[in-house]
């Protein structure tokens, strides 16, 4: 039996399965493309930091707030908007989100002051708020379960790849056509993808092809009932270990968020690179981060194939390695050795994303995985991606950017503490969840 099919394999079943597989990959490609647009619109700002600072005389705190406000909006709104998307229709919600952040990015292009830019950036965050959680929930519902870790890692790494494109292309366009043109180019790319997505993907087409995706088009769920808010919250925070996975992931991404936001400025100030070259150089580091997310996820799956609890150990290892490499790297004088150590540290700094996502999926019921990933996204943004750039900018105003970046890797110590606590409770929490699922299954049968 092919799990892509919504009916048993029979005459014509293989053709249906093949068609469903092809369509699934088309949906993945378009959803991934919009994820690239998401992060291109978000991170293009970092490429034009030096130009905005010069044009408007902004402080590092103000620059950090323009970056952090997007993650703040994502953190605050991802959960409620994800719940609404499950009820209204995931595909329709994704299209609406992408349209909103693209138009808001266009608003950034015509902003005339810091205040207007801050408002436009807030609307970018509003549009992007639930895209990651709803997008990955849609993808997981149309692919086999054994590909879950690979798809999750690849999808989350798309954020890094989008950041690379946003910073590299944004820096190039800004130097040659002005910083406003950088925002305009990102907005146009997003709107073109929205049109393509709307023409190819729909909730009805998804529901017609994949059994696991039924009930997410705004119609009656497959199980005939809607999960109550109380039951939903209980499932999301049912164990100490899942809470530790949320917290550990968010704290570790504090470092990634800070480095992504400030690396172009770091290269501009301490390596005397012009804005476009600094953005391109920073894009290489962000690309390493994305590749590291995928590689670390693959390594985790292989190491933990017969011992799920090892996911916690790999997460701890990624935290420790990044702490050592980045702490030493940012304390060195500018030069080749510093860049090598920083690159190696960034390669593993977000490697915890794969293990954390897999642990959250294992520790929550499949019926609420969209909300579980929304909760993980909330933690990643409120604990990591939102405060990272802002806190770094505030510290930089007092002791300089280099000094601020020397302190940021210490957050890994708190992330390690969370993962260590989660590891100590993981086995018993899994047993408890399996017992509850077994009881629920028996009640449904009876």
Protein backbone atom coordinates (compact mmCIF):
# COMPACT_ATOMS: atom_id res chain seq x y z
CA UNK A 1 0.00 0.00 0.00
CA UNK A 2 1.32 3.46 -0.92
CA UNK A 3 0.66 5.90 1.86
CA UNK A 4 0.29 8.73 -0.64
CA UNK A 5 -2.96 7.22 -1.90
CA UNK A 6 -6.30 8.03 -0.35
CA UNK A 7 -7.65 4.62 -1.35
CA UNK A 8 -6.22 1.09 -1.57
CA UNK A 9 -3.94 0.27 -4.45
CA UNK A 10 -5.89 -1.49 -7.19
CA UNK A 11 -6.17 -1.25 -10.95
CA UNK A 12 -4.94 2.24 -11.70
CA UNK A 13 -3.74 2.60 -8.11
CA UNK A 14 -0.09 2.81 -9.05
CA UNK A 15 -0.82 5.61 -11.51
CA UNK A 16 -2.78 7.47 -8.84
CA UNK A 17 0.07 7.03 -6.37
CA UNK A 18 2.61 8.29 -8.88
CA UNK A 19 0.44 11.31 -9.66
CA UNK A 20 0.03 12.04 -5.96
CA UNK A 21 3.77 11.81 -5.38
CA UNK A 22 4.50 14.23 -8.22
CA UNK A 23 1.86 16.68 -7.01
CA UNK A 24 3.23 16.45 -3.46
CA UNK A 25 6.66 17.50 -4.67
CA UNK A 26 5.13 20.35 -6.69
CA UNK A 27 3.35 21.55 -3.55
CA UNK A 28 6.60 21.24 -1.59
CA UNK A 29 8.53 23.23 -4.20
CA UNK A 30 6.00 26.07 -4.30
CA UNK A 31 5.61 26.14 -0.51
CA UNK A 32 9.39 26.14 -0.16
CA UNK A 33 9.59 28.94 -2.72
CA UNK A 34 7.25 31.08 -0.67
CA UNK A 35 9.35 30.29 2.41
CA UNK A 36 12.35 31.69 0.52
CA UNK A 37 10.32 34.81 -0.24
CA UNK A 38 9.35 35.00 3.44
CA UNK A 39 12.95 35.18 4.61
CA UNK A 40 14.15 37.24 1.68
CA UNK A 41 11.63 39.90 2.67
CA UNK A 42 12.65 39.58 6.30
CA UNK A 43 16.43 39.60 5.93
CA UNK A 44 16.90 42.08 3.07
CA UNK A 45 16.84 44.72 5.79
CA UNK A 46 20.10 43.44 7.25
CA UNK A 47 21.86 43.99 3.92
CA UNK A 48 20.93 47.67 3.91
CA UNK A 49 21.71 48.35 7.59
CA UNK A 50 24.79 50.46 6.73
CA UNK A 51 22.85 52.49 4.14
CA UNK A 52 19.88 53.09 6.46
CA UNK A 53 22.19 54.06 9.30
CA UNK A 54 23.83 56.64 7.06
CA UNK A 55 20.62 57.91 5.44
CA UNK A 56 18.52 58.32 8.60
CA UNK A 57 21.19 58.49 11.31
CA UNK A 58 19.79 55.49 13.18
CA UNK A 59 21.36 53.97 16.27
CA UNK A 60 22.22 50.28 16.46
CA UNK A 61 19.29 49.81 18.84
CA UNK A 62 16.90 51.25 16.25
CA UNK A 63 18.40 49.08 13.52
CA UNK A 64 18.04 46.03 15.74
CA UNK A 65 14.42 46.90 16.46
CA UNK A 66 13.60 47.01 12.73
CA UNK A 67 14.85 43.44 12.49
CA UNK A 68 13.48 42.22 15.81
CA UNK A 69 9.95 43.57 15.36
CA UNK A 70 9.33 41.01 12.59
CA UNK A 71 10.30 38.10 14.81
CA UNK A 72 8.32 39.65 17.67
CA UNK A 73 5.15 39.72 15.59
CA UNK A 74 5.81 36.17 14.44
CA UNK A 75 6.26 35.04 18.02
CA UNK A 76 3.11 36.73 19.29
CA UNK A 77 0.79 35.75 16.44
CA UNK A 78 2.00 32.40 15.15
CA UNK A 79 -0.14 30.31 17.49
CA UNK A 80 -3.54 32.04 17.09
CA UNK A 81 -3.09 32.45 13.36
CA UNK A 82 -2.07 28.78 12.98
CA UNK A 83 -5.22 27.68 14.78
CA UNK A 84 -7.30 29.92 12.50
CA UNK A 85 -5.50 28.54 9.45
CA UNK A 86 -6.42 24.97 10.41
CA UNK A 87 -10.07 26.02 10.56
CA UNK A 88 -10.20 28.37 7.57
CA UNK A 89 -7.95 26.36 5.24
CA UNK A 90 -4.18 26.04 5.16
CA UNK A 91 -3.65 26.83 1.50
CA UNK A 92 -5.94 29.85 1.54
CA UNK A 93 -4.16 31.06 4.66
CA UNK A 94 -0.72 30.64 3.10
CA UNK A 95 -1.75 32.66 0.05
CA UNK A 96 -3.17 35.44 2.22
CA UNK A 97 -0.04 35.53 4.39
CA UNK A 98 2.32 35.73 1.41
CA UNK A 99 0.27 38.51 -0.17
CA UNK A 100 0.36 40.52 3.05
CA UNK A 101 4.12 40.27 3.66
CA UNK A 102 4.87 41.08 0.02
CA UNK A 103 2.73 44.23 0.13
CA UNK A 104 4.26 45.19 3.48
CA UNK A 105 7.74 44.78 1.99
CA UNK A 106 6.66 47.15 -0.76
CA UNK A 107 5.64 49.51 2.02
CA UNK A 108 9.21 49.38 3.35
CA UNK A 109 10.40 50.56 -0.05
CA UNK A 110 8.36 53.77 0.18
CA UNK A 111 8.90 54.46 3.90
CA UNK A 112 10.24 57.95 4.60
CA UNK A 113 11.14 57.65 8.29
CA UNK A 114 12.10 55.20 11.00
CA UNK A 115 8.54 55.16 12.32
CA UNK A 116 7.02 54.31 8.95
CA UNK A 117 9.62 51.62 8.39
CA UNK A 118 8.90 50.11 11.81
CA UNK A 119 5.17 49.92 11.05
CA UNK A 120 5.81 48.35 7.64
CA UNK A 121 8.18 45.82 9.17
CA UNK A 122 5.56 44.96 11.77
CA UNK A 123 3.12 44.12 8.95
CA UNK A 124 5.81 41.99 7.33
CA UNK A 125 5.89 40.05 10.60
CA UNK A 126 2.10 39.83 10.66
CA UNK A 127 2.09 38.25 7.22
CA UNK A 128 4.91 35.86 8.05
CA UNK A 129 3.63 34.97 11.52
CA UNK A 130 2.14 31.55 10.88
CA UNK A 131 3.68 30.66 7.53
CA UNK A 132 6.37 28.37 8.90
CA UNK A 133 4.07 26.33 11.13
CA UNK A 134 1.18 26.11 8.66
CA UNK A 135 3.52 25.41 5.75
CA UNK A 136 5.33 22.53 7.46
CA UNK A 137 2.01 21.11 8.71
CA UNK A 138 0.73 21.10 5.12
CA UNK A 139 3.90 19.43 3.85
CA UNK A 140 3.93 16.73 6.55
CA UNK A 141 0.30 15.88 5.79
CA UNK A 142 1.06 14.88 2.18
CA UNK A 143 4.30 12.93 2.63
CA UNK A 144 5.12 9.58 4.30
CA UNK A 145 5.92 9.66 8.01
CA UNK A 146 9.41 8.22 7.50
CA UNK A 147 10.41 11.41 5.65
CA UNK A 148 9.27 13.67 8.48
CA UNK A 149 12.70 14.56 9.90
CA UNK A 150 14.24 15.13 6.47
CA UNK A 151 11.40 17.33 5.28
CA UNK A 152 11.28 19.28 8.55
CA UNK A 153 15.01 19.94 8.46
CA UNK A 154 14.96 20.92 4.80
CA UNK A 155 11.94 23.17 5.24
CA UNK A 156 13.40 24.94 8.27
CA UNK A 157 16.72 25.33 6.48
CA UNK A 158 14.81 27.19 3.77
CA UNK A 159 14.78 30.12 6.15
CA UNK A 160 18.55 30.28 6.04
CA UNK A 161 18.62 29.91 2.25
CA UNK A 162 16.05 32.69 1.92
CA UNK A 163 18.15 34.84 4.21
CA UNK A 164 21.16 34.23 1.97
CA UNK A 165 19.26 35.30 -1.12
CA UNK A 166 17.72 38.27 0.65
CA UNK A 167 21.02 39.61 1.91
CA UNK A 168 23.09 38.85 -1.19
CA UNK A 169 20.58 40.11 -3.75
CA UNK A 170 19.44 42.91 -1.47
CA UNK A 171 22.98 44.18 -1.00
CA UNK A 172 23.70 44.03 -4.74
CA UNK A 173 20.51 45.87 -5.69
CA UNK A 174 20.98 48.44 -2.91
CA UNK A 175 24.48 49.42 -4.05
CA UNK A 176 23.51 49.70 -7.72
CA UNK A 177 19.91 50.99 -7.51
CA UNK A 178 19.40 52.17 -3.92
CA UNK A 179 18.08 50.51 -0.79
CA UNK A 180 14.45 51.16 -1.73
CA UNK A 181 14.87 49.05 -4.85
CA UNK A 182 16.03 46.14 -2.67
CA UNK A 183 12.70 46.03 -0.84
CA UNK A 184 10.80 46.49 -4.11
CA UNK A 185 12.57 43.53 -5.72
CA UNK A 186 11.71 41.24 -2.80
CA UNK A 187 8.09 42.36 -2.89
CA UNK A 188 7.80 41.65 -6.62
CA UNK A 189 9.32 38.17 -6.21
CA UNK A 190 6.81 37.34 -3.49
CA UNK A 191 3.79 38.54 -5.44
CA UNK A 192 4.77 36.52 -8.53
CA UNK A 193 5.08 33.38 -6.40
CA UNK A 194 1.69 34.04 -4.81
CA UNK A 195 0.07 34.04 -8.24
CA UNK A 196 1.77 30.76 -9.19
CA UNK A 197 0.82 29.14 -5.87
CA UNK A 198 -2.80 30.20 -6.17
CA UNK A 199 -3.07 28.74 -9.67
CA UNK A 200 -1.57 25.34 -8.79
CA UNK A 201 -2.39 24.57 -5.15
CA UNK A 202 -5.75 24.53 -3.39
CA UNK A 203 -7.21 23.01 -0.22
CA UNK A 204 -9.66 20.90 -2.23
CA UNK A 205 -6.94 19.41 -4.42
CA UNK A 206 -4.87 18.56 -1.35
CA UNK A 207 -7.81 16.97 0.49
CA UNK A 208 -8.83 14.96 -2.59
CA UNK A 209 -5.40 13.33 -2.93
CA UNK A 210 -4.16 12.78 0.62
CA UNK A 211 -6.09 11.23 3.48
CA UNK A 212 -3.90 12.83 6.16
CA UNK A 213 -4.67 16.28 4.80
CA UNK A 214 -8.45 15.97 5.01
CA UNK A 215 -10.10 18.27 7.44
CA UNK A 216 -7.63 21.13 6.95
CA UNK A 217 -9.59 22.96 4.26
CA UNK A 218 -11.92 24.66 6.66
CA UNK A 219 -14.41 21.81 6.53
CA UNK A 220 -15.30 19.17 9.11
CA UNK A 221 -12.20 17.36 10.35
CA UNK A 222 -11.67 13.74 9.46
CA UNK A 223 -12.31 12.58 13.01
CA UNK A 224 -15.66 14.32 13.10
CA UNK A 225 -14.80 16.70 15.91
CA UNK A 226 -12.82 19.81 16.66
CA UNK A 227 -10.24 19.80 19.40
CA UNK A 228 -11.23 22.02 22.32
CA UNK A 229 -8.83 24.72 23.44
CA UNK A 230 -8.32 22.99 26.79
CA UNK A 231 -7.47 19.68 25.13
CA UNK A 232 -5.21 21.44 22.63
CA UNK A 233 -3.20 23.23 25.32
CA UNK A 234 -2.97 20.04 27.37
CA UNK A 235 -1.54 18.19 24.38
CA UNK A 236 0.96 20.92 23.58
CA UNK A 237 2.36 21.13 27.11
CA UNK A 238 1.65 17.61 28.35
CA UNK A 239 5.22 16.80 29.40
CA UNK A 240 8.27 18.51 30.83
CA UNK A 241 10.43 17.21 28.01
CA UNK A 242 8.36 18.84 25.25
CA UNK A 243 8.49 22.17 27.09
CA UNK A 244 12.28 21.77 27.34
CA UNK A 245 12.42 21.14 23.59
CA UNK A 246 10.53 24.38 22.94
CA UNK A 247 12.72 26.40 25.30
CA UNK A 248 16.06 24.88 24.26
CA UNK A 249 15.33 25.43 20.59
CA UNK A 250 14.30 29.05 21.12
CA UNK A 251 17.33 29.92 23.24
CA UNK A 252 19.80 28.41 20.77
CA UNK A 253 18.22 30.35 17.90
CA UNK A 254 18.85 33.55 19.87
CA UNK A 255 22.44 33.21 18.67
CA UNK A 256 21.49 32.44 15.09
CA UNK A 257 19.14 35.43 14.95
CA UNK A 258 21.80 37.77 16.30
CA UNK A 259 24.49 36.55 13.92
CA UNK A 260 22.24 36.71 10.84
CA UNK A 261 21.15 40.25 11.64
CA UNK A 262 24.57 41.69 12.49
CA UNK A 263 27.05 39.78 10.33
CA UNK A 264 26.78 42.26 7.40
CA UNK A 265 27.49 45.13 9.79
CA UNK A 266 30.32 43.16 11.42
CA UNK A 267 32.03 42.66 8.07
CA UNK A 268 31.37 46.26 7.09
CA UNK A 269 32.86 47.71 10.28
CA UNK A 270 35.74 45.37 11.05
CA UNK A 271 36.74 44.19 7.57
CA UNK A 272 36.05 47.51 5.78
CA UNK A 273 33.81 45.81 3.23
CA UNK A 274 31.33 47.95 1.27
CA UNK A 275 27.65 47.20 1.85
CA UNK A 276 27.21 44.87 -1.12
CA UNK A 277 30.33 42.81 -0.40
CA UNK A 278 29.53 42.69 3.31
CA UNK A 279 26.04 41.41 2.51
CA UNK A 280 27.42 38.79 0.11
CA UNK A 281 30.01 37.71 2.66
CA UNK A 282 27.39 37.44 5.40
CA UNK A 283 25.21 35.43 3.02
CA UNK A 284 27.94 32.79 2.87
CA UNK A 285 27.80 32.41 6.65
CA UNK A 286 24.00 32.18 6.62
CA UNK A 287 24.23 29.56 3.86
CA UNK A 288 26.55 27.56 6.12
CA UNK A 289 23.91 27.79 8.82
CA UNK A 290 21.24 26.42 6.49
CA UNK A 291 23.44 23.62 5.25
CA UNK A 292 24.30 22.83 8.85
CA UNK A 293 20.63 22.50 9.77
CA UNK A 294 20.14 19.92 7.04
CA UNK A 295 23.39 18.08 7.79
CA UNK A 296 22.83 18.04 11.54
CA UNK A 297 19.31 16.73 11.01
CA UNK A 298 20.62 13.88 8.85
CA UNK A 299 23.33 13.06 11.39
CA UNK A 300 20.77 13.08 14.19
CA UNK A 301 18.46 10.69 12.32
CA UNK A 302 21.29 8.25 11.68
CA UNK A 303 22.68 8.38 15.21
CA UNK A 304 19.25 8.09 16.79
CA UNK A 305 17.70 5.47 14.53
CA UNK A 306 17.68 2.82 17.27
CA UNK A 307 17.88 5.14 20.29
CA UNK A 308 15.48 8.12 20.15
CA UNK A 309 16.82 9.58 23.40
CA UNK A 310 20.11 10.34 21.62
CA UNK A 311 18.39 13.29 19.94
CA UNK A 312 18.90 15.18 23.17
CA UNK A 313 22.60 14.29 23.19
CA UNK A 314 23.08 15.55 19.64
CA UNK A 315 21.29 18.79 20.54
CA UNK A 316 23.59 19.22 23.54
CA UNK A 317 26.62 18.54 21.35
CA UNK A 318 25.59 21.17 18.79
CA UNK A 319 25.11 23.74 21.57
CA UNK A 320 28.52 23.01 23.10
CA UNK A 321 30.41 23.04 19.80
CA UNK A 322 28.86 26.33 18.70
CA UNK A 323 29.54 27.89 22.10
CA UNK A 324 33.23 27.07 21.94
CA UNK A 325 33.79 27.99 18.28
CA UNK A 326 31.84 31.27 18.28
CA UNK A 327 33.17 32.43 21.65
CA UNK A 328 36.75 31.97 20.49
CA UNK A 329 36.08 33.23 16.97
CA UNK A 330 34.57 36.57 17.96
CA UNK A 331 37.48 37.21 20.36
CA UNK A 332 40.13 36.84 17.68
CA UNK A 333 41.49 39.70 15.62
CA UNK A 334 40.00 40.11 12.12
CA UNK A 335 41.59 37.65 9.72
CA UNK A 336 41.31 34.28 8.05
CA UNK A 337 41.40 32.24 11.27
CA UNK A 338 38.54 34.24 12.74
CA UNK A 339 36.40 33.73 9.65
CA UNK A 340 37.09 29.99 9.63
CA UNK A 341 36.10 29.58 13.28
CA UNK A 342 32.99 31.71 12.84
CA UNK A 343 31.99 29.68 9.79
CA UNK A 344 32.44 26.40 11.68
CA UNK A 345 30.43 27.72 14.62
CA UNK A 346 27.58 28.97 12.44
CA UNK A 347 27.52 25.60 10.67
CA UNK A 348 26.31 23.91 13.88
CA UNK A 349 24.68 26.76 15.81
CA UNK A 350 21.20 26.02 14.45
CA UNK A 351 21.76 22.27 14.23
CA UNK A 352 19.43 21.87 17.20
CA UNK A 353 16.43 22.74 14.97
CA UNK A 354 16.16 19.22 13.54
CA UNK A 355 16.39 17.35 16.86
CA UNK A 356 14.04 19.81 18.55
CA UNK A 357 11.45 19.50 15.78
CA UNK A 358 11.61 15.72 15.85
CA UNK A 359 11.25 15.67 19.64
CA UNK A 360 8.22 17.94 19.50
CA UNK A 361 6.62 15.69 16.85
CA UNK A 362 7.29 12.60 18.99
CA UNK A 363 5.94 14.19 22.16
CA UNK A 364 2.67 15.59 20.78
CA UNK A 365 -0.36 13.88 19.17
CA UNK A 366 -0.35 13.89 15.35
CA UNK A 367 -3.76 15.58 15.30
CA UNK A 368 -2.27 18.76 16.77
CA UNK A 369 1.09 18.83 15.01
CA UNK A 370 0.26 22.11 13.26
CA UNK A 371 -0.34 23.76 16.63
CA UNK A 372 2.74 22.03 18.07
CA UNK A 373 4.96 23.46 15.35
CA UNK A 374 3.27 26.82 15.87
CA UNK A 375 4.24 26.62 19.54
CA UNK A 376 7.80 25.72 18.57
CA UNK A 377 7.85 28.67 16.18
CA UNK A 378 6.55 30.91 18.95
CA UNK A 379 9.37 29.79 21.25
CA UNK A 380 11.95 30.16 18.48
CA UNK A 381 10.87 33.74 17.87
CA UNK A 382 10.02 35.05 21.33
CA UNK A 383 13.07 33.48 22.98
CA UNK A 384 15.48 33.65 20.05
CA UNK A 385 14.96 35.41 16.74
CA UNK A 386 13.13 38.46 18.12
CA UNK A 387 15.34 39.42 21.08
CA UNK A 388 18.61 38.30 19.45
CA UNK A 389 19.10 41.26 17.07
CA UNK A 390 17.61 43.79 19.51
CA UNK A 391 19.66 42.73 22.53
CA UNK A 392 22.81 42.60 20.43
CA UNK A 393 22.17 46.11 19.12
CA UNK A 394 21.50 47.46 22.62
CA UNK A 395 24.74 45.96 23.94
CA UNK A 396 26.63 47.18 20.86
CA UNK A 397 25.57 50.77 21.59
CA UNK A 398 27.41 50.46 24.93
CA UNK A 399 30.48 48.29 24.29
CA UNK A 400 30.69 48.05 20.50
CA UNK A 401 29.45 45.42 18.08
CA UNK A 402 32.48 43.16 18.51
CA UNK A 403 32.05 43.12 22.27
CA UNK A 404 28.33 42.34 21.95
CA UNK A 405 28.96 39.41 19.62
CA UNK A 406 31.51 38.01 22.06
CA UNK A 407 28.80 37.74 24.72
CA UNK A 408 25.95 36.36 22.60
CA UNK A 409 27.24 32.71 22.34
CA UNK A 410 26.91 32.36 26.13
CA UNK A 411 23.16 31.90 25.62
CA UNK A 412 24.03 28.34 24.55
CA UNK A 413 24.63 27.51 28.22
CA UNK A 414 20.94 28.12 29.00
CA UNK A 415 19.90 26.11 25.93
CA UNK A 416 22.08 23.21 27.08
CA UNK A 417 20.43 23.30 30.51
CA UNK A 418 16.97 23.02 28.92
CA UNK A 419 17.99 20.11 26.68
CA UNK A 420 19.66 18.32 29.61
CA UNK A 421 16.47 18.51 31.68
CA UNK A 422 14.42 17.30 28.72
CA UNK A 423 16.71 14.34 28.20
CA UNK A 424 16.30 13.26 31.82
CA UNK A 425 12.50 13.03 31.39
CA UNK A 426 12.23 11.91 27.76
CA UNK A 427 11.89 8.14 28.19
CA UNK A 428 9.17 8.25 30.83
CA UNK A 429 7.30 11.00 28.95
CA UNK A 430 7.27 8.90 25.77
CA UNK A 431 5.93 5.92 27.72
CA UNK A 432 3.21 8.09 29.18
CA UNK A 433 2.18 9.43 25.77
CA UNK A 434 2.13 5.93 24.24
CA UNK A 435 -0.11 4.76 27.08
CA UNK A 436 -2.52 7.65 26.58
CA UNK A 437 -2.67 7.05 22.84
CA UNK A 438 -3.40 3.37 23.41
CA UNK A 439 -6.24 4.20 25.79
CA UNK A 440 -7.68 6.70 23.31
CA UNK A 441 -7.57 4.14 20.51
CA UNK A 442 -9.41 1.57 22.63
CA UNK A 443 -12.12 4.08 23.49
CA UNK A 444 -12.65 4.88 19.81
CA UNK A 445 -12.95 1.19 18.94
CA UNK A 446 -15.44 0.54 21.72
